[in-house]
Protein backbone atom coordinates (compact mmCIF):
# COMPACT_ATOMS: atom_id res chain seq x y z
CA MET A 1 51.16 -26.08 108.67
CA PRO A 2 48.22 -26.82 110.99
CA PRO A 3 48.62 -29.91 113.18
CA PRO A 4 47.04 -33.12 111.82
CA ALA A 5 43.50 -33.88 112.88
CA LEU A 6 43.29 -36.61 115.52
CA GLY A 7 40.69 -38.57 117.40
CA THR A 8 36.91 -38.97 117.19
CA LEU A 9 34.12 -36.83 118.62
CA TRP A 10 31.08 -38.95 119.59
CA LEU A 11 27.70 -37.23 119.71
CA GLU A 12 24.25 -38.62 120.58
CA ALA A 13 21.13 -36.93 119.17
CA PRO A 14 18.00 -37.47 121.31
CA ASP A 15 14.73 -38.64 119.90
CA TYR A 16 12.10 -35.98 120.77
CA ALA A 17 9.74 -36.76 117.90
CA ALA A 18 6.96 -37.92 120.25
CA LEU A 19 7.26 -34.65 122.27
CA ASP A 20 7.14 -32.37 119.19
CA THR A 21 3.46 -31.67 119.29
CA LEU A 22 3.80 -27.88 119.43
CA ALA A 23 6.48 -26.79 117.00
CA CYS A 24 5.74 -29.79 114.71
CA ARG A 25 9.05 -29.38 112.92
CA PRO A 26 9.76 -31.52 109.81
CA GLU A 27 13.23 -32.43 111.07
CA PRO A 28 14.70 -34.02 114.26
CA PHE A 29 15.52 -31.77 117.21
CA VAL A 30 19.30 -31.56 116.40
CA LEU A 31 18.44 -29.91 113.09
CA TRP A 32 16.23 -27.22 114.60
CA PRO A 33 17.74 -23.78 114.03
CA VAL A 34 19.67 -22.14 116.85
CA GLY A 35 20.73 -18.67 115.78
CA PRO A 36 21.60 -18.83 112.10
CA LYS A 37 22.17 -22.55 111.81
CA PRO A 38 21.03 -25.92 113.16
CA LEU A 39 22.08 -27.15 116.65
CA LEU A 40 24.10 -29.93 115.09
CA ALA A 41 26.06 -27.45 112.93
CA HIS A 42 27.32 -25.72 116.13
CA TRP A 43 28.76 -29.06 117.25
CA MET A 44 30.33 -29.66 113.86
CA ASP A 45 32.04 -26.31 114.26
CA GLU A 46 33.17 -27.53 117.64
CA ALA A 47 34.72 -30.57 115.95
CA VAL A 48 36.74 -28.23 113.80
CA ARG A 49 37.88 -26.25 116.83
CA ARG A 50 38.96 -29.47 118.55
CA ASN A 51 40.64 -30.55 115.33
CA VAL A 52 39.23 -34.09 115.45
CA ALA A 53 39.58 -36.34 112.48
CA GLU A 54 36.12 -37.92 112.63
CA VAL A 55 32.66 -37.29 114.09
CA VAL A 56 30.33 -40.16 114.94
CA ILE A 57 26.69 -39.24 115.52
CA ILE A 58 24.15 -41.60 117.06
CA ALA A 59 20.86 -40.32 115.66
CA HIS A 60 17.84 -42.08 117.13
CA ASP A 61 15.36 -39.88 115.24
CA ARG A 62 15.29 -39.88 111.40
CA PRO A 63 18.99 -40.56 110.84
CA HIS A 64 18.53 -40.25 107.08
CA LEU A 65 17.74 -36.52 107.50
CA VAL A 66 20.80 -36.07 109.69
CA ARG A 67 22.98 -37.71 107.03
CA ALA A 68 21.48 -35.51 104.31
CA ALA A 69 22.00 -32.32 106.34
CA LEU A 70 25.68 -33.11 107.02
CA ALA A 71 26.47 -33.99 103.40
CA GLY A 72 29.12 -36.42 104.58
CA GLY A 73 30.92 -33.69 106.49
CA HIS A 74 32.10 -31.84 103.38
CA TYR A 75 31.27 -28.40 104.81
CA TRP A 76 33.47 -29.02 107.79
CA SER A 77 36.21 -31.14 106.09
CA ARG A 78 35.63 -33.88 108.67
CA ALA A 79 34.55 -37.49 108.10
CA VAL A 80 31.14 -38.09 109.58
CA ARG A 81 29.46 -41.35 110.38
CA VAL A 82 25.74 -41.40 111.37
CA LEU A 83 24.56 -44.46 113.30
CA SER A 84 20.88 -45.22 114.07
CA GLN A 85 21.53 -46.70 117.50
CA ARG A 86 24.11 -47.02 120.22
CA ARG A 87 26.82 -49.68 119.84
CA ALA A 88 28.84 -51.61 122.29
CA ASP A 89 31.93 -49.50 121.57
CA THR A 90 30.20 -46.17 122.27
CA PRO A 91 32.56 -44.33 124.66
CA ALA A 92 31.49 -43.02 128.04
CA ASP A 93 32.35 -39.43 127.00
CA CYS A 94 29.79 -39.47 124.18
CA VAL A 95 28.11 -36.04 124.26
CA ARG A 96 24.30 -35.96 124.37
CA LEU A 97 23.10 -33.05 122.18
CA GLU A 98 20.87 -31.16 124.58
CA GLY A 99 22.76 -27.89 124.55
CA LEU A 100 25.44 -25.88 122.77
CA PRO A 101 29.21 -26.42 122.99
CA GLY A 102 30.55 -24.87 126.16
CA GLN A 103 27.24 -25.15 128.04
CA PRO A 104 27.12 -27.30 131.14
CA PRO A 105 25.24 -30.63 130.67
CA LEU A 106 21.53 -30.10 130.41
CA PRO A 107 18.87 -32.61 131.59
CA ALA A 108 16.63 -34.30 129.07
CA VAL A 109 13.22 -32.73 128.54
CA ALA A 110 10.04 -34.73 129.33
CA THR A 111 7.11 -32.66 128.02
CA PRO A 112 6.18 -30.80 124.83
CA ALA A 113 6.20 -27.52 126.70
CA ALA A 114 9.67 -28.26 128.12
CA LEU A 115 10.92 -29.02 124.63
CA LEU A 116 9.65 -25.67 123.39
CA GLY A 117 11.24 -23.89 126.38
CA ARG A 118 14.53 -25.67 125.72
CA TRP A 119 14.52 -24.43 122.13
CA LEU A 120 14.09 -20.85 123.23
CA GLU A 121 16.74 -21.28 125.96
CA LEU A 122 19.19 -22.44 123.30
CA GLN A 123 18.53 -19.28 121.25
CA HIS A 124 19.35 -17.15 124.25
CA ALA A 125 22.43 -19.26 125.05
CA TRP A 126 23.76 -18.80 121.50
CA LEU A 127 23.23 -15.03 121.76
CA ALA A 128 25.03 -14.89 125.13
CA SER A 129 27.96 -16.88 123.66
CA ARG A 130 28.78 -14.26 121.06
CA GLN A 131 31.93 -12.26 121.74
CA SER A 132 32.89 -8.87 120.46
CA GLY A 133 36.14 -10.35 119.12
CA ASP A 134 34.42 -13.02 117.03
CA ILE A 135 35.37 -13.02 113.35
CA SER A 136 32.09 -12.18 111.64
CA ILE A 137 30.63 -10.10 108.86
CA ASP A 138 27.88 -8.97 111.21
CA ARG A 139 28.20 -5.42 112.53
CA HIS A 140 28.69 -5.20 116.27
CA LEU A 141 27.02 -2.33 117.99
CA PRO A 142 28.30 -2.31 121.59
CA PRO A 143 27.35 -3.39 124.06
CA GLY A 144 25.95 -6.60 122.53
CA ALA A 145 23.78 -5.82 119.51
CA TRP A 146 24.65 -7.58 116.20
CA ILE A 147 23.39 -6.56 112.75
CA GLY A 148 23.79 -8.87 109.76
CA PRO A 149 24.80 -7.85 106.25
CA LEU A 150 22.19 -5.71 104.45
CA ALA A 151 19.86 -5.75 107.44
CA ARG A 152 17.83 -2.52 107.51
CA VAL A 153 17.08 -1.07 110.90
CA SER A 154 14.97 2.10 111.11
CA PRO A 155 16.78 4.92 112.94
CA ARG A 156 13.64 5.14 115.04
CA ALA A 157 13.77 1.46 116.09
CA ARG A 158 15.21 0.59 119.46
CA LEU A 159 17.69 -2.21 119.92
CA ILE A 160 18.23 -3.46 123.49
CA ALA A 161 21.25 -5.71 124.00
CA PRO A 162 21.81 -8.54 123.78
CA CYS A 163 20.11 -9.00 120.43
CA TRP A 164 20.86 -10.16 116.92
CA VAL A 165 19.27 -9.13 113.61
CA GLY A 166 20.13 -11.52 110.72
CA ALA A 167 21.19 -10.75 107.16
CA ARG A 168 18.66 -8.86 105.03
CA ALA A 169 16.17 -8.58 107.90
CA GLN A 170 14.13 -5.43 108.25
CA ILE A 171 13.19 -3.65 111.48
CA GLY A 172 10.52 -0.97 111.20
CA ALA A 173 10.15 2.42 112.93
CA ASN A 174 9.41 2.40 116.63
CA ALA A 175 9.95 -1.38 116.82
CA VAL A 176 11.66 -2.63 120.01
CA ILE A 177 14.07 -5.56 119.63
CA GLY A 178 15.47 -7.05 122.82
CA PRO A 179 16.72 -7.86 125.25
CA ASN A 180 17.58 -11.55 124.56
CA THR A 181 16.05 -11.47 121.11
CA LEU A 182 16.98 -12.94 117.73
CA VAL A 183 15.49 -11.91 114.41
CA GLY A 184 16.36 -14.40 111.67
CA GLU A 185 17.64 -13.80 108.15
CA ARG A 186 15.18 -12.11 105.71
CA SER A 187 12.62 -11.55 108.40
CA VAL A 188 10.53 -8.42 108.81
CA VAL A 189 9.49 -6.89 112.13
CA ASP A 190 7.06 -4.09 111.19
CA ASP A 191 6.48 -0.70 112.72
CA GLY A 192 5.77 -0.53 116.43
CA ALA A 193 6.19 -4.28 117.10
CA ILE A 194 7.86 -5.31 120.40
CA VAL A 195 9.92 -8.49 120.46
CA ARG A 196 11.43 -9.30 123.91
CA GLU A 197 13.08 -12.52 125.21
CA ALA A 198 11.91 -14.06 121.95
CA ALA A 199 13.02 -15.43 118.57
CA VAL A 200 11.70 -14.62 115.08
CA LEU A 201 12.81 -17.43 112.80
CA ALA A 202 14.23 -16.82 109.34
CA GLU A 203 11.84 -15.50 106.71
CA SER A 204 9.04 -14.67 109.15
CA TYR A 205 6.86 -11.57 109.16
CA VAL A 206 5.79 -9.89 112.43
CA GLY A 207 3.05 -7.30 111.93
CA PRO A 208 2.73 -3.74 113.22
CA LYS A 209 2.29 -3.33 117.01
CA VAL A 210 2.48 -7.09 117.64
CA ASN A 211 3.95 -7.85 121.09
CA LEU A 212 6.00 -11.04 121.42
CA HIS A 213 7.44 -12.00 124.87
CA ARG A 214 9.04 -15.34 125.46
CA MET A 215 7.64 -16.52 122.17
CA ILE A 216 8.94 -18.00 118.95
CA ALA A 217 7.51 -16.73 115.63
CA ALA A 218 8.00 -19.40 112.95
CA GLY A 219 6.28 -18.12 109.81
CA ALA A 220 2.57 -18.05 110.51
CA VAL A 221 2.97 -20.17 113.69
CA LEU A 222 3.22 -18.53 117.15
CA LEU A 223 4.83 -20.67 119.84
CA ASP A 224 4.39 -19.46 123.41
CA ALA A 225 7.24 -20.87 125.47
CA ALA A 226 5.90 -19.37 128.68
CA ARG A 227 2.55 -21.15 128.42
CA GLY A 228 3.56 -24.12 126.31
CA THR A 229 1.02 -23.40 123.57
CA ARG A 230 0.84 -23.07 119.82
CA VAL A 231 -1.41 -20.76 117.76
CA ASP A 232 -1.62 -20.93 113.90
CA ILE A 233 -2.16 -17.35 112.73
CA THR A 234 -4.38 -16.90 109.59
CA ASP A 235 -4.22 -13.11 109.54
CA ARG A 236 -1.14 -12.26 107.42
CA PHE A 237 -1.04 -8.79 108.98
CA ILE A 238 -0.13 -10.35 112.31
CA LEU A 239 2.29 -13.23 111.38
CA ALA A 240 3.17 -14.75 108.06
CA SER A 241 5.83 -16.78 106.29
CA LEU A 242 8.10 -15.14 103.75
CA LYS A 243 9.65 -18.38 102.52
CA ASP A 244 9.87 -19.44 98.88
CA ARG A 245 9.50 -15.90 97.60
CA GLY A 246 11.83 -15.40 94.65
CA VAL A 247 13.38 -18.92 94.78
CA LYS A 248 11.51 -20.52 91.93
CA PRO A 249 11.25 -19.15 88.40
CA ASP A 250 7.99 -17.50 87.41
CA PRO A 251 6.12 -18.49 84.25
CA GLY A 252 7.75 -15.76 82.18
CA GLU A 253 11.25 -16.97 83.18
CA ARG A 254 10.36 -20.54 82.35
CA LEU A 255 9.07 -19.53 78.90
CA LEU A 256 12.27 -17.54 78.22
CA GLY A 257 14.34 -20.44 79.45
CA LEU A 258 12.54 -22.74 76.95
CA LEU A 259 13.19 -20.31 74.08
CA LEU A 260 16.84 -20.05 75.01
CA TRP A 261 17.09 -23.84 75.30
CA LEU A 262 15.62 -24.25 71.77
CA ALA A 263 18.04 -21.55 70.48
CA ALA A 264 20.96 -23.58 71.90
CA LEU A 265 20.01 -26.78 70.02
CA PRO A 266 21.49 -25.93 66.63
CA TRP A 267 24.65 -24.46 68.24
CA SER A 268 25.10 -27.67 70.23
CA LEU A 269 25.46 -29.67 67.02
CA ALA A 270 28.83 -28.05 66.48
CA TYR A 271 30.03 -29.39 69.84
CA LEU A 272 28.86 -32.93 69.66
CA GLY A 273 31.24 -35.18 71.60
CA ALA A 274 32.62 -32.32 73.63
CA PRO A 275 33.45 -33.28 77.23
CA SER A 276 30.98 -32.39 79.95
CA VAL A 277 30.87 -32.52 83.72
CA ALA A 278 27.90 -33.56 85.85
CA PHE A 279 27.65 -32.36 89.40
CA MET A 280 25.05 -32.37 92.10
CA PRO A 281 24.44 -29.03 93.93
CA PRO A 282 23.19 -29.25 97.55
CA GLY A 283 19.44 -29.62 97.74
CA TRP A 284 19.05 -31.24 94.28
CA GLN A 285 18.26 -34.59 95.91
CA GLY A 286 19.85 -36.88 93.39
CA ARG A 287 19.41 -34.72 90.28
CA GLN A 288 22.52 -33.84 88.32
CA LEU A 289 23.33 -30.54 86.64
CA ARG A 290 25.44 -31.01 83.54
CA THR A 291 27.96 -28.47 82.24
CA GLY A 292 29.58 -28.69 78.83
CA GLY A 293 33.31 -28.29 78.51
CA ARG A 294 33.44 -26.24 75.30
CA GLY A 295 31.51 -23.57 73.47
CA PRO A 296 29.63 -20.47 74.52
CA LEU A 297 27.72 -20.44 77.80
CA LEU A 298 24.45 -20.99 75.87
CA VAL A 299 25.76 -24.38 74.78
CA ARG A 300 27.65 -25.32 77.94
CA ARG A 301 24.65 -24.49 80.17
CA ARG A 302 21.88 -25.87 77.96
CA SER A 303 20.81 -28.34 80.63
CA TRP A 304 20.71 -25.47 83.11
CA LEU A 305 18.15 -23.81 80.89
CA TRP A 306 16.03 -26.95 81.02
CA ALA A 307 16.25 -26.80 84.78
CA VAL A 308 14.63 -23.31 84.52
CA VAL A 309 11.86 -24.78 82.36
CA ALA A 310 11.39 -27.49 85.03
CA GLY A 311 11.11 -24.88 87.74
CA ARG A 312 14.30 -25.86 89.64
CA LEU A 313 16.58 -22.95 88.72
CA ARG A 314 16.24 -19.21 88.23
CA LEU A 315 17.42 -17.50 85.05
CA ILE A 316 19.31 -14.91 87.11
CA GLY A 317 21.06 -15.98 90.31
CA VAL A 318 24.37 -16.95 91.82
CA LEU A 319 26.18 -19.79 90.10
CA PRO A 320 25.14 -23.29 91.19
CA ARG A 321 27.92 -24.95 93.15
CA THR A 322 28.71 -28.29 94.73
CA ALA A 323 28.98 -29.07 98.41
CA GLU A 324 32.75 -29.01 98.03
CA ASP A 325 32.59 -25.50 96.51
CA LEU A 326 30.51 -24.32 99.46
CA ALA A 327 32.87 -25.97 101.95
CA ARG A 328 35.77 -23.82 100.72
CA LEU A 329 33.95 -20.58 101.58
CA PRO A 330 34.30 -18.81 104.97
CA ASP A 331 31.40 -19.62 107.35
CA ASP A 332 29.54 -16.32 107.10
CA VAL A 333 30.05 -16.12 103.34
CA ARG A 334 28.84 -19.68 102.97
CA ALA A 335 25.62 -18.86 104.80
CA ILE A 336 24.86 -15.94 102.49
CA VAL A 337 25.66 -17.78 99.26
CA ALA A 338 23.85 -21.00 100.32
CA GLN A 339 20.60 -19.06 100.87
CA ALA A 340 20.76 -17.10 97.60
CA PRO A 341 18.73 -18.43 94.63
CA ALA A 342 20.94 -20.11 91.99
CA GLY A 343 20.60 -19.14 88.35
CA VAL A 344 21.81 -19.80 84.85
CA VAL A 345 23.42 -16.33 84.54
CA SER A 346 25.08 -14.54 87.45
CA TRP A 347 26.74 -11.27 88.37
CA ALA A 348 30.03 -13.23 88.17
CA ASP A 349 29.29 -14.01 84.50
CA ALA A 350 28.70 -10.32 83.86
CA ASN A 351 32.25 -9.79 85.21
CA GLY A 352 33.89 -12.56 83.13
CA VAL A 353 33.96 -15.24 85.88
CA HIS A 354 32.06 -18.31 84.79
CA ARG A 355 33.02 -21.05 87.29
CA ALA A 356 32.00 -21.41 90.95
CA ASP A 357 35.42 -22.81 91.83
CA ASP A 358 37.17 -19.66 90.50
CA PRO A 359 38.89 -17.98 93.50
CA LEU A 360 37.22 -14.68 92.65
CA GLU A 361 33.70 -15.99 92.05
CA TRP A 362 32.53 -15.91 95.67
CA LEU A 363 33.18 -12.15 95.84
CA HIS A 364 30.70 -11.64 93.01
CA ALA A 365 28.26 -14.15 94.53
CA VAL A 366 28.22 -12.39 97.90
CA TYR A 367 27.78 -9.03 96.16
CA GLN A 368 24.84 -10.40 94.13
CA ALA A 369 23.21 -12.04 97.12
CA SER A 370 23.68 -9.08 99.44
CA VAL A 371 23.78 -5.81 97.41
CA LEU A 372 22.21 -6.13 93.95
CA ASP A 373 18.61 -4.92 93.84
CA ALA A 374 15.76 -5.91 91.54
CA ALA A 375 16.73 -3.23 89.00
CA SER A 376 20.27 -4.66 88.72
CA HIS A 377 18.87 -8.17 88.17
CA ARG A 378 16.62 -6.86 85.41
CA GLU A 379 19.66 -5.26 83.77
CA ILE A 380 21.44 -8.65 83.77
CA LEU A 381 18.28 -10.21 82.33
CA ARG A 382 18.28 -7.58 79.59
CA ARG A 383 21.85 -8.59 78.70
CA ILE A 384 21.22 -12.34 78.97
CA TRP A 385 21.62 -13.11 75.26
CA PRO A 386 25.08 -11.55 74.78
CA LEU A 387 26.22 -13.03 78.10
CA LEU A 388 25.07 -16.54 77.09
CA ALA A 389 26.31 -16.20 73.51
CA GLY A 390 29.77 -15.30 74.87
CA GLY A 391 31.75 -16.88 77.68
CA GLY A 392 34.24 -18.62 75.40
CA ASP A 393 35.65 -22.08 75.93
CA SER A 394 36.55 -23.30 79.44
């Protein structure tokens, strides 16, 4: 058995809202992405490594967003308290969150340009911290290039270590990635682009022959860390955001969801009074998703179909799950599943697994999120009626 968790890790998140005039992020600095996850998440991983029982975070900037991002510590199985200001009992060894775990203490930044430079420095520090022996589902191409699951790199592209290409990213022919470069999940670096000493954030598009050096590409925003400037790009052939593509149901899905919901009504009369469970998947912001305890999937997931009509859920996607379900998954698996659109019917359903807490479900979820193409999803959609009409009792 592992030793019991002991002690408390105190962390202090600085307030840089007044300095954020370049990146203009919607969240406080500690929630800015560093590599594949926010800066604060790296410190929560450190809390697990230290085996502390509790984490106390003093968040001077938008503490409500910090609380929401941590979900009470469920993902890390650690109790978390978020305070809005320092208290008299704050210990002297409270860590100020300026850098990553293992980095020497970093000075506070004083200008918007310095804040932007610090963000890029943290990307490079995370990349330098990766070790070839790390447990990861990324492919390691010595000496120091990492390729995420289902990332596609043209054989004519050039990777210069150290560099990291996230899951499902695409690197075009004759593109040059590196050194000291990160390309986030689901991003596209097109043919002939050169990205050096830079970071391309998740779901960003970099156009053909674009040259980024000591810059951060955040969707259609170009942040120049060397000059301390920001440029909003309007030409989608240079930079663009790829976010929100495929996450929400299209009008055809919403109409089919309504028809299926109406078809479920007469069946539901046979199961009046049957037990049901309401749960709140991450990101639903107070909305509940109710699941019936008996009957075919069409009846048990009738409220899921209404969520499709309301535009909150896809018809085809990985099974919705709670924060606790996500917390049980390995880190890399959790990152893939958490980013995948959730749906009423999943690849797991097609294989007879109908619950997110089933020990085999995550294998199907990762396969669906990482491997299945559009044609496979259309095949599941074609079979949606027999899949929903079946499923049996829980």
